[in-house]
Amino acid sequence: MVCLPHHSPRDLPFTLDHTALLLVDMQRAWLDPQLDPHLQVPDAEYFIKRTREQVIPNQQKLLAAMRGARQNVLHTIIESLTADGRDRSLDHKLSDMHLPKGSPQAAIIDPLTARENEIVLPKTSSGVFNSTNIDYVLRNLQTRHLIVAGIVTDQCVDMAVRDAADRGYLVTLVEDACATYTDSRHQACLNAIKGYCWITDTQTVLDRLREMQA
């Protein structure tokens, strides 16, 4: 288990106009039990409870703070560029993962819906840096600090953190605004990626954002 506060050389003050928030895959397809068969089994109770009671409310706080500070917000979603999904990665084809372009299940959940001027990047791989132009976009936005939250911790969130770190961003992972299907998987992932990011909680990020504007 990663102990908080997490001591990392990446624990540096956020800088105004060089800080962005990335929310990963907060979509109806993965958060609505009627749409995701993984959430229709008894073992899914942990994930459902954590996302509803902790992850989504914390992400709402992060969104409000970033919007209030007029900092950049990006959302990534799994969504094919075509209706038939022929553009998907081989892995997504083999995994039978297909959310058609513009489909209701691909949409971001209502509490976290992107606002005008927020960037939504559809991807067809686990890694947002692999199947979107996010690196190009973040550099155009002059981003240095990338705050990451989303689902699931040990898959798409993990890849976003590692790839962002490799490309020279200072990554902050908001632990209590992320979830995967078991606590043991969540904790194992945090231990595995702690060398790529600063791991902290929502309240600490909110405090840092306020300090940034002082």
N, C-alpha and C. Protein backbone atom coordinates (compact mmCIF):
# COMPACT_ATOMS: atom_id res chain seq x y z
N MET A 1 0.84 -1.20 0.00
CA MET A 1 0.00 0.00 0.00
C MET A 1 0.87 1.24 0.00
N VAL A 2 0.57 2.19 -0.88
CA VAL A 2 1.32 3.45 -0.93
C VAL A 2 0.89 4.34 0.21
N CYS A 3 1.85 4.79 0.98
CA CYS A 3 1.56 5.66 2.11
C CYS A 3 1.46 7.10 1.63
N LEU A 4 0.43 7.79 2.06
CA LEU A 4 0.27 9.21 1.76
C LEU A 4 0.59 10.02 3.01
N PRO A 5 1.30 11.17 2.89
CA PRO A 5 1.72 11.74 1.61
C PRO A 5 2.84 10.94 0.96
N HIS A 6 2.76 10.87 -0.35
CA HIS A 6 3.75 10.15 -1.15
C HIS A 6 4.93 11.07 -1.42
N HIS A 7 6.11 10.64 -1.01
CA HIS A 7 7.31 11.46 -1.20
C HIS A 7 7.88 11.19 -2.58
N SER A 8 7.88 12.21 -3.42
CA SER A 8 8.31 12.06 -4.80
C SER A 8 8.96 13.36 -5.26
N PRO A 9 10.00 13.27 -6.08
CA PRO A 9 10.60 14.49 -6.65
C PRO A 9 9.65 15.21 -7.60
N ARG A 10 8.55 14.54 -7.96
CA ARG A 10 7.55 15.17 -8.81
C ARG A 10 6.54 16.00 -8.01
N ASP A 11 6.66 15.98 -6.71
CA ASP A 11 5.80 16.78 -5.83
C ASP A 11 6.30 18.22 -5.85
N LEU A 12 5.84 18.95 -6.84
CA LEU A 12 6.24 20.34 -7.04
C LEU A 12 5.00 21.21 -7.16
N PRO A 13 5.07 22.49 -6.79
CA PRO A 13 3.89 23.36 -6.90
C PRO A 13 3.37 23.44 -8.32
N PHE A 14 2.04 23.41 -8.46
CA PHE A 14 1.45 23.61 -9.78
C PHE A 14 1.73 25.04 -10.24
N THR A 15 1.80 25.22 -11.54
CA THR A 15 2.05 26.56 -12.08
C THR A 15 0.85 27.00 -12.92
N LEU A 16 0.44 28.23 -12.71
CA LEU A 16 -0.73 28.77 -13.39
C LEU A 16 -0.53 28.77 -14.90
N ASP A 17 -1.54 28.32 -15.60
CA ASP A 17 -1.57 28.25 -17.06
C ASP A 17 -0.64 27.19 -17.64
N HIS A 18 -0.06 26.35 -16.78
CA HIS A 18 0.76 25.23 -17.24
C HIS A 18 0.32 23.93 -16.56
N THR A 19 -0.92 23.93 -16.07
CA THR A 19 -1.46 22.77 -15.35
C THR A 19 -2.76 22.34 -16.01
N ALA A 20 -2.89 21.05 -16.25
CA ALA A 20 -4.09 20.52 -16.91
C ALA A 20 -4.60 19.29 -16.16
N LEU A 21 -5.89 19.06 -16.28
CA LEU A 21 -6.54 17.89 -15.68
C LEU A 21 -6.97 16.95 -16.79
N LEU A 22 -6.65 15.66 -16.64
CA LEU A 22 -7.09 14.63 -17.58
C LEU A 22 -7.97 13.63 -16.84
N LEU A 23 -9.22 13.51 -17.28
CA LEU A 23 -10.13 12.50 -16.75
C LEU A 23 -10.23 11.36 -17.76
N VAL A 24 -10.00 10.15 -17.27
CA VAL A 24 -9.85 8.98 -18.14
C VAL A 24 -11.10 8.09 -18.11
N ASP A 25 -11.77 7.99 -19.24
CA ASP A 25 -12.80 6.97 -19.51
C ASP A 25 -13.98 6.97 -18.54
N MET A 26 -14.43 8.14 -18.14
CA MET A 26 -15.58 8.24 -17.24
C MET A 26 -16.87 8.20 -18.06
N GLN A 27 -17.14 7.03 -18.61
CA GLN A 27 -18.20 6.85 -19.59
C GLN A 27 -19.34 5.98 -19.07
N ARG A 28 -20.48 6.14 -19.70
CA ARG A 28 -21.65 5.32 -19.33
C ARG A 28 -21.36 3.84 -19.51
N ALA A 29 -20.61 3.49 -20.52
CA ALA A 29 -20.35 2.07 -20.83
C ALA A 29 -19.70 1.34 -19.67
N TRP A 30 -18.89 2.03 -18.88
CA TRP A 30 -18.15 1.38 -17.80
C TRP A 30 -18.73 1.68 -16.42
N LEU A 31 -19.68 2.59 -16.34
CA LEU A 31 -20.19 3.02 -15.04
C LEU A 31 -21.68 2.76 -14.84
N ASP A 32 -22.36 2.29 -15.88
CA ASP A 32 -23.78 1.97 -15.79
C ASP A 32 -23.93 0.45 -15.77
N PRO A 33 -24.38 -0.13 -14.66
CA PRO A 33 -24.50 -1.59 -14.58
C PRO A 33 -25.37 -2.20 -15.67
N GLN A 34 -26.28 -1.43 -16.22
CA GLN A 34 -27.13 -1.95 -17.30
C GLN A 34 -26.37 -2.10 -18.61
N LEU A 35 -25.23 -1.40 -18.72
CA LEU A 35 -24.47 -1.43 -19.97
C LEU A 35 -23.22 -2.28 -19.89
N ASP A 36 -22.68 -2.48 -18.70
CA ASP A 36 -21.43 -3.22 -18.54
C ASP A 36 -21.69 -4.53 -17.80
N PRO A 37 -21.54 -5.68 -18.46
CA PRO A 37 -21.76 -6.97 -17.80
C PRO A 37 -20.85 -7.20 -16.60
N HIS A 38 -19.67 -6.56 -16.59
CA HIS A 38 -18.76 -6.71 -15.45
C HIS A 38 -19.38 -6.17 -14.15
N LEU A 39 -20.34 -5.27 -14.28
CA LEU A 39 -20.95 -4.65 -13.10
C LEU A 39 -22.23 -5.37 -12.67
N GLN A 40 -22.53 -6.48 -13.30
CA GLN A 40 -23.76 -7.22 -12.99
C GLN A 40 -23.48 -8.46 -12.17
N VAL A 41 -22.30 -8.55 -11.59
CA VAL A 41 -21.93 -9.70 -10.75
C VAL A 41 -21.71 -9.21 -9.33
N PRO A 42 -21.85 -10.08 -8.33
CA PRO A 42 -21.69 -9.65 -6.92
C PRO A 42 -20.35 -9.01 -6.62
N ASP A 43 -19.29 -9.46 -7.29
CA ASP A 43 -17.95 -8.92 -7.01
C ASP A 43 -17.81 -7.46 -7.43
N ALA A 44 -18.77 -6.95 -8.19
CA ALA A 44 -18.67 -5.58 -8.69
C ALA A 44 -19.09 -4.55 -7.65
N GLU A 45 -19.58 -4.99 -6.50
CA GLU A 45 -20.08 -4.05 -5.49
C GLU A 45 -19.01 -3.06 -5.07
N TYR A 46 -17.79 -3.54 -4.90
CA TYR A 46 -16.69 -2.64 -4.48
C TYR A 46 -16.52 -1.51 -5.50
N PHE A 47 -16.43 -1.86 -6.78
CA PHE A 47 -16.21 -0.86 -7.82
C PHE A 47 -17.37 0.12 -7.90
N ILE A 48 -18.58 -0.39 -7.87
CA ILE A 48 -19.75 0.48 -7.96
C ILE A 48 -19.81 1.45 -6.78
N LYS A 49 -19.57 0.95 -5.60
CA LYS A 49 -19.61 1.79 -4.40
C LYS A 49 -18.51 2.86 -4.43
N ARG A 50 -17.30 2.45 -4.81
CA ARG A 50 -16.18 3.40 -4.82
C ARG A 50 -16.40 4.49 -5.86
N THR A 51 -16.86 4.10 -7.04
CA THR A 51 -17.04 5.12 -8.07
C THR A 51 -18.18 6.08 -7.71
N ARG A 52 -19.27 5.55 -7.17
CA ARG A 52 -20.41 6.41 -6.87
C ARG A 52 -20.17 7.30 -5.66
N GLU A 53 -19.53 6.76 -4.63
CA GLU A 53 -19.41 7.48 -3.37
C GLU A 53 -18.12 8.28 -3.25
N GLN A 54 -17.11 7.94 -4.05
CA GLN A 54 -15.83 8.61 -3.88
C GLN A 54 -15.29 9.18 -5.18
N VAL A 55 -15.15 8.34 -6.19
CA VAL A 55 -14.47 8.77 -7.40
C VAL A 55 -15.22 9.89 -8.12
N ILE A 56 -16.50 9.69 -8.39
CA ILE A 56 -17.26 10.70 -9.13
C ILE A 56 -17.38 12.00 -8.34
N PRO A 57 -17.73 11.97 -7.05
CA PRO A 57 -17.77 13.23 -6.29
C PRO A 57 -16.41 13.94 -6.25
N ASN A 58 -15.34 13.19 -6.12
CA ASN A 58 -14.01 13.83 -6.09
C ASN A 58 -13.65 14.43 -7.44
N GLN A 59 -14.01 13.74 -8.51
CA GLN A 59 -13.75 14.31 -9.82
C GLN A 59 -14.58 15.57 -10.06
N GLN A 60 -15.79 15.60 -9.53
CA GLN A 60 -16.59 16.82 -9.64
C GLN A 60 -15.90 18.00 -8.94
N LYS A 61 -15.29 17.72 -7.80
CA LYS A 61 -14.55 18.77 -7.08
C LYS A 61 -13.34 19.23 -7.89
N LEU A 62 -12.63 18.28 -8.48
CA LEU A 62 -11.47 18.64 -9.29
C LEU A 62 -11.88 19.46 -10.50
N LEU A 63 -12.96 19.04 -11.15
CA LEU A 63 -13.45 19.80 -12.29
C LEU A 63 -13.84 21.22 -11.90
N ALA A 64 -14.55 21.35 -10.80
CA ALA A 64 -14.97 22.68 -10.36
C ALA A 64 -13.77 23.57 -10.08
N ALA A 65 -12.76 23.01 -9.45
CA ALA A 65 -11.57 23.79 -9.11
C ALA A 65 -10.81 24.20 -10.37
N MET A 66 -10.64 23.28 -11.30
CA MET A 66 -9.93 23.61 -12.53
C MET A 66 -10.70 24.62 -13.37
N ARG A 67 -12.00 24.45 -13.42
CA ARG A 67 -12.81 25.41 -14.16
C ARG A 67 -12.77 26.78 -13.51
N GLY A 68 -12.82 26.79 -12.19
CA GLY A 68 -12.75 28.05 -11.48
C GLY A 68 -11.43 28.76 -11.67
N ALA A 69 -10.36 27.98 -11.81
CA ALA A 69 -9.03 28.55 -12.02
C ALA A 69 -8.74 28.82 -13.50
N ARG A 70 -9.68 28.45 -14.36
CA ARG A 70 -9.55 28.63 -15.81
C ARG A 70 -8.33 27.89 -16.36
N GLN A 71 -8.16 26.68 -15.87
CA GLN A 71 -7.08 25.81 -16.36
C GLN A 71 -7.67 24.77 -17.31
N ASN A 72 -6.83 24.17 -18.10
CA ASN A 72 -7.29 23.27 -19.15
C ASN A 72 -7.77 21.94 -18.59
N VAL A 73 -8.89 21.48 -19.15
CA VAL A 73 -9.48 20.19 -18.79
C VAL A 73 -9.58 19.34 -20.06
N LEU A 74 -9.11 18.09 -19.95
CA LEU A 74 -9.21 17.15 -21.06
C LEU A 74 -9.91 15.89 -20.57
N HIS A 75 -10.72 15.32 -21.43
CA HIS A 75 -11.40 14.06 -21.16
C HIS A 75 -10.98 13.09 -22.26
N THR A 76 -10.66 11.86 -21.90
CA THR A 76 -10.47 10.84 -22.92
C THR A 76 -11.53 9.77 -22.74
N ILE A 77 -12.02 9.27 -23.87
CA ILE A 77 -13.05 8.25 -23.87
C ILE A 77 -12.67 7.16 -24.87
N ILE A 78 -13.10 5.95 -24.59
CA ILE A 78 -12.97 4.88 -25.58
C ILE A 78 -14.16 5.01 -26.54
N GLU A 79 -13.84 5.27 -27.79
CA GLU A 79 -14.89 5.45 -28.81
C GLU A 79 -14.25 5.27 -30.18
N SER A 80 -14.84 4.42 -31.00
CA SER A 80 -14.33 4.23 -32.35
C SER A 80 -14.56 5.49 -33.19
N LEU A 81 -13.73 5.66 -34.18
CA LEU A 81 -13.90 6.79 -35.10
C LEU A 81 -14.95 6.49 -36.16
N THR A 82 -15.36 5.22 -36.23
CA THR A 82 -16.34 4.78 -37.21
C THR A 82 -17.48 4.05 -36.51
N ALA A 83 -18.60 3.92 -37.20
CA ALA A 83 -19.74 3.21 -36.63
C ALA A 83 -19.49 1.72 -36.51
N ASP A 84 -18.73 1.16 -37.47
CA ASP A 84 -18.49 -0.28 -37.44
C ASP A 84 -17.20 -0.67 -36.72
N GLY A 85 -16.43 0.32 -36.28
CA GLY A 85 -15.25 0.05 -35.48
C GLY A 85 -14.07 -0.51 -36.24
N ARG A 86 -14.05 -0.35 -37.54
CA ARG A 86 -12.95 -0.93 -38.31
C ARG A 86 -11.61 -0.25 -38.02
N ASP A 87 -11.65 0.94 -37.41
CA ASP A 87 -10.43 1.67 -37.09
C ASP A 87 -9.83 1.27 -35.74
N ARG A 88 -10.48 0.38 -35.03
CA ARG A 88 -10.00 0.00 -33.70
C ARG A 88 -8.63 -0.67 -33.75
N SER A 89 -7.94 -0.60 -32.61
CA SER A 89 -6.68 -1.33 -32.48
C SER A 89 -6.94 -2.83 -32.53
N LEU A 90 -5.91 -3.58 -32.88
CA LEU A 90 -6.04 -5.04 -32.90
C LEU A 90 -6.44 -5.55 -31.51
N ASP A 91 -5.88 -4.97 -30.47
CA ASP A 91 -6.21 -5.42 -29.11
C ASP A 91 -7.69 -5.23 -28.82
N HIS A 92 -8.25 -4.10 -29.21
CA HIS A 92 -9.68 -3.86 -28.96
C HIS A 92 -10.55 -4.78 -29.81
N LYS A 93 -10.09 -5.10 -31.00
CA LYS A 93 -10.85 -6.06 -31.81
C LYS A 93 -10.82 -7.44 -31.17
N LEU A 94 -9.66 -7.86 -30.72
CA LEU A 94 -9.55 -9.17 -30.09
C LEU A 94 -10.31 -9.22 -28.77
N SER A 95 -10.41 -8.07 -28.09
CA SER A 95 -11.13 -7.99 -26.82
C SER A 95 -12.62 -7.73 -27.02
N ASP A 96 -13.04 -7.61 -28.27
CA ASP A 96 -14.44 -7.31 -28.60
C ASP A 96 -14.90 -6.03 -27.90
N MET A 97 -14.04 -5.04 -27.91
CA MET A 97 -14.34 -3.74 -27.29
C MET A 97 -14.65 -2.74 -28.39
N HIS A 98 -15.91 -2.33 -28.45
CA HIS A 98 -16.32 -1.41 -29.51
C HIS A 98 -17.45 -0.52 -29.01
N LEU A 99 -17.15 0.76 -28.93
CA LEU A 99 -18.18 1.76 -28.64
C LEU A 99 -18.29 2.62 -29.89
N PRO A 100 -19.37 2.49 -30.65
CA PRO A 100 -19.49 3.19 -31.93
C PRO A 100 -19.43 4.71 -31.76
N LYS A 101 -18.92 5.36 -32.77
CA LYS A 101 -18.84 6.82 -32.76
C LYS A 101 -20.21 7.42 -32.50
N GLY A 102 -20.30 8.29 -31.49
CA GLY A 102 -21.55 8.98 -31.18
C GLY A 102 -22.58 8.18 -30.44
N SER A 103 -22.24 6.98 -30.00
CA SER A 103 -23.22 6.13 -29.31
C SER A 103 -23.46 6.61 -27.89
N PRO A 104 -24.67 6.39 -27.37
CA PRO A 104 -24.97 6.82 -25.99
C PRO A 104 -24.04 6.19 -24.96
N GLN A 105 -23.64 4.94 -25.16
CA GLN A 105 -22.79 4.27 -24.17
C GLN A 105 -21.38 4.85 -24.14
N ALA A 106 -20.97 5.49 -25.22
CA ALA A 106 -19.63 6.09 -25.26
C ALA A 106 -19.59 7.44 -24.54
N ALA A 107 -20.75 8.01 -24.26
CA ALA A 107 -20.82 9.36 -23.69
C ALA A 107 -20.26 9.42 -22.27
N ILE A 108 -19.69 10.54 -21.92
CA ILE A 108 -19.26 10.80 -20.55
C ILE A 108 -20.50 10.87 -19.66
N ILE A 109 -20.40 10.35 -18.44
CA ILE A 109 -21.55 10.38 -17.54
C ILE A 109 -21.96 11.82 -17.23
N ASP A 110 -23.23 12.03 -16.97
CA ASP A 110 -23.79 13.37 -16.81
C ASP A 110 -23.06 14.23 -15.77
N PRO A 111 -22.70 13.70 -14.58
CA PRO A 111 -22.07 14.57 -13.59
C PRO A 111 -20.72 15.14 -14.02
N LEU A 112 -20.12 14.54 -15.04
CA LEU A 112 -18.78 14.96 -15.46
C LEU A 112 -18.74 15.42 -16.91
N THR A 113 -19.90 15.70 -17.48
CA THR A 113 -19.97 16.07 -18.90
C THR A 113 -19.04 17.23 -19.22
N ALA A 114 -18.35 17.10 -20.33
CA ALA A 114 -17.43 18.15 -20.76
C ALA A 114 -18.20 19.42 -21.11
N ARG A 115 -17.62 20.53 -20.74
CA ARG A 115 -18.21 21.82 -21.10
C ARG A 115 -17.59 22.34 -22.39
N GLU A 116 -18.20 23.40 -22.90
CA GLU A 116 -17.65 24.05 -24.08
C GLU A 116 -16.20 24.45 -23.83
N ASN A 117 -15.35 24.21 -24.79
CA ASN A 117 -13.92 24.52 -24.73
C ASN A 117 -13.11 23.51 -23.93
N GLU A 118 -13.75 22.46 -23.40
CA GLU A 118 -12.99 21.36 -22.83
C GLU A 118 -12.77 20.31 -23.92
N ILE A 119 -11.64 19.68 -23.89
CA ILE A 119 -11.20 18.81 -24.98
C ILE A 119 -11.59 17.36 -24.69
N VAL A 120 -12.25 16.73 -25.64
CA VAL A 120 -12.62 15.32 -25.54
C VAL A 120 -11.86 14.55 -26.62
N LEU A 121 -11.08 13.57 -26.20
CA LEU A 121 -10.25 12.80 -27.12
C LEU A 121 -10.71 11.35 -27.17
N PRO A 122 -11.31 10.91 -28.27
CA PRO A 122 -11.69 9.50 -28.39
C PRO A 122 -10.46 8.65 -28.70
N LYS A 123 -10.39 7.47 -28.08
CA LYS A 123 -9.25 6.58 -28.29
C LYS A 123 -9.73 5.16 -28.54
N THR A 124 -8.89 4.38 -29.21
CA THR A 124 -9.20 2.98 -29.47
C THR A 124 -8.04 2.09 -29.02
N SER A 125 -7.42 2.51 -27.94
CA SER A 125 -6.38 1.70 -27.29
C SER A 125 -6.43 2.03 -25.81
N SER A 126 -5.72 1.26 -25.00
CA SER A 126 -5.69 1.57 -23.57
C SER A 126 -4.96 2.88 -23.31
N GLY A 127 -3.91 3.14 -24.07
CA GLY A 127 -3.09 4.31 -23.83
C GLY A 127 -3.52 5.51 -24.64
N VAL A 128 -3.92 6.58 -23.96
CA VAL A 128 -4.37 7.77 -24.67
C VAL A 128 -3.24 8.40 -25.48
N PHE A 129 -1.99 8.21 -25.05
CA PHE A 129 -0.87 8.77 -25.81
C PHE A 129 -0.57 7.95 -27.06
N ASN A 130 -1.12 6.74 -27.14
CA ASN A 130 -0.85 5.87 -28.29
C ASN A 130 -1.84 6.07 -29.43
N SER A 131 -3.07 6.43 -29.13
CA SER A 131 -4.09 6.48 -30.19
C SER A 131 -4.81 7.82 -30.29
N THR A 132 -4.23 8.86 -29.70
CA THR A 132 -4.75 10.22 -29.88
C THR A 132 -3.57 11.18 -30.04
N ASN A 133 -3.88 12.42 -30.33
CA ASN A 133 -2.84 13.45 -30.46
C ASN A 133 -2.68 14.25 -29.17
N ILE A 134 -2.91 13.60 -28.03
CA ILE A 134 -2.90 14.32 -26.76
C ILE A 134 -1.56 14.98 -26.47
N ASP A 135 -0.46 14.34 -26.84
CA ASP A 135 0.85 14.95 -26.57
C ASP A 135 0.99 16.27 -27.33
N TYR A 136 0.60 16.26 -28.58
CA TYR A 136 0.61 17.47 -29.40
C TYR A 136 -0.28 18.55 -28.78
N VAL A 137 -1.47 18.15 -28.32
CA VAL A 137 -2.41 19.10 -27.74
C VAL A 137 -1.86 19.68 -26.44
N LEU A 138 -1.36 18.81 -25.56
CA LEU A 138 -0.83 19.29 -24.28
C LEU A 138 0.33 20.25 -24.48
N ARG A 139 1.18 19.97 -25.45
CA ARG A 139 2.31 20.88 -25.70
C ARG A 139 1.83 22.21 -26.26
N ASN A 140 0.81 22.18 -27.11
CA ASN A 140 0.23 23.43 -27.60
C ASN A 140 -0.39 24.24 -26.47
N LEU A 141 -0.89 23.53 -25.44
CA LEU A 141 -1.47 24.20 -24.28
C LEU A 141 -0.41 24.60 -23.26
N GLN A 142 0.84 24.32 -23.56
CA GLN A 142 1.98 24.65 -22.69
C GLN A 142 1.86 23.98 -21.32
N THR A 143 1.46 22.72 -21.34
CA THR A 143 1.24 21.97 -20.11
C THR A 143 2.56 21.44 -19.56
N ARG A 144 2.75 21.64 -18.27
CA ARG A 144 3.89 21.05 -17.56
C ARG A 144 3.40 20.03 -16.52
N HIS A 145 2.36 20.40 -15.79
CA HIS A 145 1.78 19.53 -14.76
C HIS A 145 0.51 18.89 -15.31
N LEU A 146 0.45 17.56 -15.29
CA LEU A 146 -0.74 16.85 -15.73
C LEU A 146 -1.34 16.09 -14.56
N ILE A 147 -2.54 16.48 -14.16
CA ILE A 147 -3.27 15.83 -13.08
C ILE A 147 -4.16 14.76 -13.70
N VAL A 148 -4.04 13.53 -13.22
CA VAL A 148 -4.74 12.41 -13.85
C VAL A 148 -5.67 11.74 -12.84
N ALA A 149 -6.90 11.43 -13.30
CA ALA A 149 -7.86 10.66 -12.50
C ALA A 149 -8.75 9.89 -13.47
N GLY A 150 -9.35 8.79 -13.00
CA GLY A 150 -10.25 8.07 -13.88
C GLY A 150 -10.31 6.59 -13.58
N ILE A 151 -10.76 5.83 -14.59
CA ILE A 151 -10.91 4.39 -14.47
C ILE A 151 -10.36 3.73 -15.74
N VAL A 152 -9.87 2.48 -15.60
CA VAL A 152 -9.61 1.84 -14.32
C VAL A 152 -8.14 2.02 -14.00
N THR A 153 -7.84 2.04 -12.70
CA THR A 153 -6.52 2.42 -12.23
C THR A 153 -5.41 1.63 -12.90
N ASP A 154 -5.57 0.31 -12.97
CA ASP A 154 -4.48 -0.55 -13.42
C ASP A 154 -4.52 -0.87 -14.91
N GLN A 155 -5.29 -0.11 -15.66
CA GLN A 155 -5.30 -0.29 -17.11
C GLN A 155 -5.09 1.06 -17.79
N CYS A 156 -6.14 1.74 -18.17
CA CYS A 156 -6.00 2.96 -18.94
C CYS A 156 -5.38 4.11 -18.15
N VAL A 157 -5.68 4.20 -16.85
CA VAL A 157 -5.06 5.24 -16.03
C VAL A 157 -3.57 4.99 -15.91
N ASP A 158 -3.20 3.75 -15.62
CA ASP A 158 -1.80 3.35 -15.52
C ASP A 158 -1.03 3.76 -16.77
N MET A 159 -1.57 3.44 -17.93
CA MET A 159 -0.86 3.75 -19.17
C MET A 159 -0.75 5.25 -19.40
N ALA A 160 -1.78 6.00 -19.05
CA ALA A 160 -1.70 7.46 -19.20
C ALA A 160 -0.59 8.04 -18.34
N VAL A 161 -0.48 7.54 -17.11
CA VAL A 161 0.55 8.03 -16.20
C VAL A 161 1.94 7.72 -16.73
N ARG A 162 2.19 6.47 -17.09
CA ARG A 162 3.52 6.07 -17.55
C ARG A 162 3.92 6.81 -18.82
N ASP A 163 2.98 6.87 -19.78
CA ASP A 163 3.31 7.51 -21.05
C ASP A 163 3.52 9.01 -20.90
N ALA A 164 2.74 9.64 -20.04
CA ALA A 164 2.93 11.08 -19.80
C ALA A 164 4.28 11.34 -19.15
N ALA A 165 4.65 10.51 -18.19
CA ALA A 165 5.94 10.67 -17.54
C ALA A 165 7.08 10.52 -18.54
N ASP A 166 6.97 9.53 -19.42
CA ASP A 166 8.02 9.30 -20.42
C ASP A 166 8.15 10.46 -21.39
N ARG A 167 7.09 11.22 -21.55
CA ARG A 167 7.12 12.35 -22.49
C ARG A 167 7.46 13.67 -21.80
N GLY A 168 7.79 13.61 -20.53
CA GLY A 168 8.32 14.79 -19.86
C GLY A 168 7.34 15.62 -19.08
N TYR A 169 6.14 15.09 -18.80
CA TYR A 169 5.19 15.82 -17.98
C TYR A 169 5.38 15.45 -16.51
N LEU A 170 5.10 16.39 -15.64
CA LEU A 170 5.08 16.13 -14.20
C LEU A 170 3.68 15.63 -13.86
N VAL A 171 3.56 14.35 -13.57
CA VAL A 171 2.25 13.73 -13.42
C VAL A 171 1.85 13.65 -11.95
N THR A 172 0.63 14.09 -11.67
CA THR A 172 0.00 13.93 -10.36
C THR A 172 -1.15 12.94 -10.52
N LEU A 173 -1.12 11.85 -9.77
CA LEU A 173 -2.21 10.88 -9.80
C LEU A 173 -3.07 11.08 -8.56
N VAL A 174 -4.35 11.33 -8.77
CA VAL A 174 -5.26 11.59 -7.66
C VAL A 174 -5.88 10.25 -7.25
N GLU A 175 -5.31 9.65 -6.23
CA GLU A 175 -5.62 8.27 -5.85
C GLU A 175 -7.10 8.06 -5.53
N ASP A 176 -7.71 8.98 -4.81
CA ASP A 176 -9.10 8.79 -4.40
C ASP A 176 -10.10 9.28 -5.45
N ALA A 177 -9.59 9.58 -6.64
CA ALA A 177 -10.46 9.89 -7.78
C ALA A 177 -10.24 8.86 -8.89
N CYS A 178 -9.72 7.69 -8.51
CA CYS A 178 -9.49 6.57 -9.43
C CYS A 178 -10.09 5.30 -8.82
N ALA A 179 -10.36 4.33 -9.67
CA ALA A 179 -10.87 3.04 -9.18
C ALA A 179 -10.56 1.95 -10.18
N THR A 180 -10.39 0.73 -9.65
CA THR A 180 -10.43 -0.48 -10.46
C THR A 180 -11.32 -1.48 -9.73
N TYR A 181 -11.30 -2.74 -10.13
CA TYR A 181 -12.36 -3.64 -9.70
C TYR A 181 -12.16 -4.25 -8.31
N THR A 182 -10.95 -4.16 -7.76
CA THR A 182 -10.72 -4.59 -6.38
C THR A 182 -9.72 -3.64 -5.74
N ASP A 183 -9.76 -3.56 -4.43
CA ASP A 183 -8.81 -2.71 -3.73
C ASP A 183 -7.39 -3.24 -3.88
N SER A 184 -7.22 -4.56 -3.91
CA SER A 184 -5.87 -5.12 -4.05
C SER A 184 -5.27 -4.74 -5.40
N ARG A 185 -6.07 -4.76 -6.45
CA ARG A 185 -5.57 -4.35 -7.76
C ARG A 185 -5.21 -2.86 -7.76
N HIS A 186 -6.04 -2.06 -7.12
CA HIS A 186 -5.78 -0.61 -7.04
C HIS A 186 -4.45 -0.35 -6.33
N GLN A 187 -4.27 -0.98 -5.18
CA GLN A 187 -3.05 -0.76 -4.40
C GLN A 187 -1.81 -1.29 -5.13
N ALA A 188 -1.94 -2.43 -5.78
CA ALA A 188 -0.81 -2.98 -6.53
C ALA A 188 -0.38 -2.04 -7.65
N CYS A 189 -1.35 -1.44 -8.30
CA CYS A 189 -1.02 -0.50 -9.37
C CYS A 189 -0.32 0.74 -8.83
N LEU A 190 -0.81 1.27 -7.73
CA LEU A 190 -0.17 2.44 -7.14
C LEU A 190 1.29 2.15 -6.82
N ASN A 191 1.55 0.98 -6.26
CA ASN A 191 2.93 0.61 -5.95
C ASN A 191 3.77 0.48 -7.22
N ALA A 192 3.15 0.00 -8.30
CA ALA A 192 3.89 -0.22 -9.53
C ALA A 192 4.24 1.09 -10.25
N ILE A 193 3.39 2.11 -10.11
CA ILE A 193 3.61 3.34 -10.88
C ILE A 193 4.08 4.52 -10.03
N LYS A 194 4.37 4.28 -8.77
CA LYS A 194 4.75 5.39 -7.89
C LYS A 194 6.04 6.07 -8.32
N GLY A 195 6.84 5.39 -9.13
CA GLY A 195 8.06 6.01 -9.63
C GLY A 195 7.84 6.90 -10.84
N TYR A 196 6.62 6.94 -11.36
CA TYR A 196 6.31 7.74 -12.54
C TYR A 196 5.50 8.99 -12.22
N CYS A 197 5.03 9.12 -10.99
CA CYS A 197 4.10 10.20 -10.68
C CYS A 197 4.15 10.53 -9.19
N TRP A 198 3.53 11.65 -8.87
CA TRP A 198 3.27 11.99 -7.48
C TRP A 198 1.85 11.54 -7.17
N ILE A 199 1.70 10.66 -6.20
CA ILE A 199 0.39 10.13 -5.84
C ILE A 199 -0.14 10.90 -4.63
N THR A 200 -1.32 11.45 -4.75
CA THR A 200 -1.89 12.23 -3.67
C THR A 200 -3.41 12.10 -3.68
N ASP A 201 -4.09 12.91 -2.86
CA ASP A 201 -5.54 12.82 -2.77
C ASP A 201 -6.20 14.10 -3.26
N THR A 202 -7.50 14.05 -3.37
CA THR A 202 -8.25 15.17 -3.93
C THR A 202 -8.06 16.45 -3.14
N GLN A 203 -8.15 16.37 -1.82
CA GLN A 203 -8.06 17.59 -1.02
C GLN A 203 -6.70 18.26 -1.18
N THR A 204 -5.64 17.48 -1.26
CA THR A 204 -4.32 18.06 -1.44
C THR A 204 -4.22 18.77 -2.79
N VAL A 205 -4.79 18.18 -3.82
CA VAL A 205 -4.79 18.82 -5.13
C VAL A 205 -5.59 20.12 -5.10
N LEU A 206 -6.74 20.09 -4.44
CA LEU A 206 -7.55 21.31 -4.34
C LEU A 206 -6.78 22.41 -3.62
N ASP A 207 -6.09 22.04 -2.55
CA ASP A 207 -5.28 23.03 -1.81
C ASP A 207 -4.17 23.60 -2.69
N ARG A 208 -3.52 22.73 -3.45
CA ARG A 208 -2.43 23.18 -4.34
C ARG A 208 -2.96 24.10 -5.44
N LEU A 209 -4.15 23.81 -5.93
CA LEU A 209 -4.73 24.68 -6.95
C LEU A 209 -5.05 26.06 -6.40
N ARG A 210 -5.51 26.10 -5.14
CA ARG A 210 -5.75 27.40 -4.51
C ARG A 210 -4.44 28.15 -4.31
N GLU A 211 -3.41 27.44 -3.87
CA GLU A 211 -2.10 28.07 -3.69
C GLU A 211 -1.56 28.62 -5.02
N MET A 212 -1.81 27.89 -6.09
CA MET A 212 -1.35 28.30 -7.42
C MET A 212 -1.90 29.66 -7.82
N GLN A 213 -3.12 29.94 -7.36
CA GLN A 213 -3.78 31.19 -7.75
C GLN A 213 -3.50 32.34 -6.80
N ALA A 214 -2.84 32.03 -5.68
CA ALA A 214 -2.63 33.06 -4.65
C ALA A 214 -1.63 34.13 -5.14
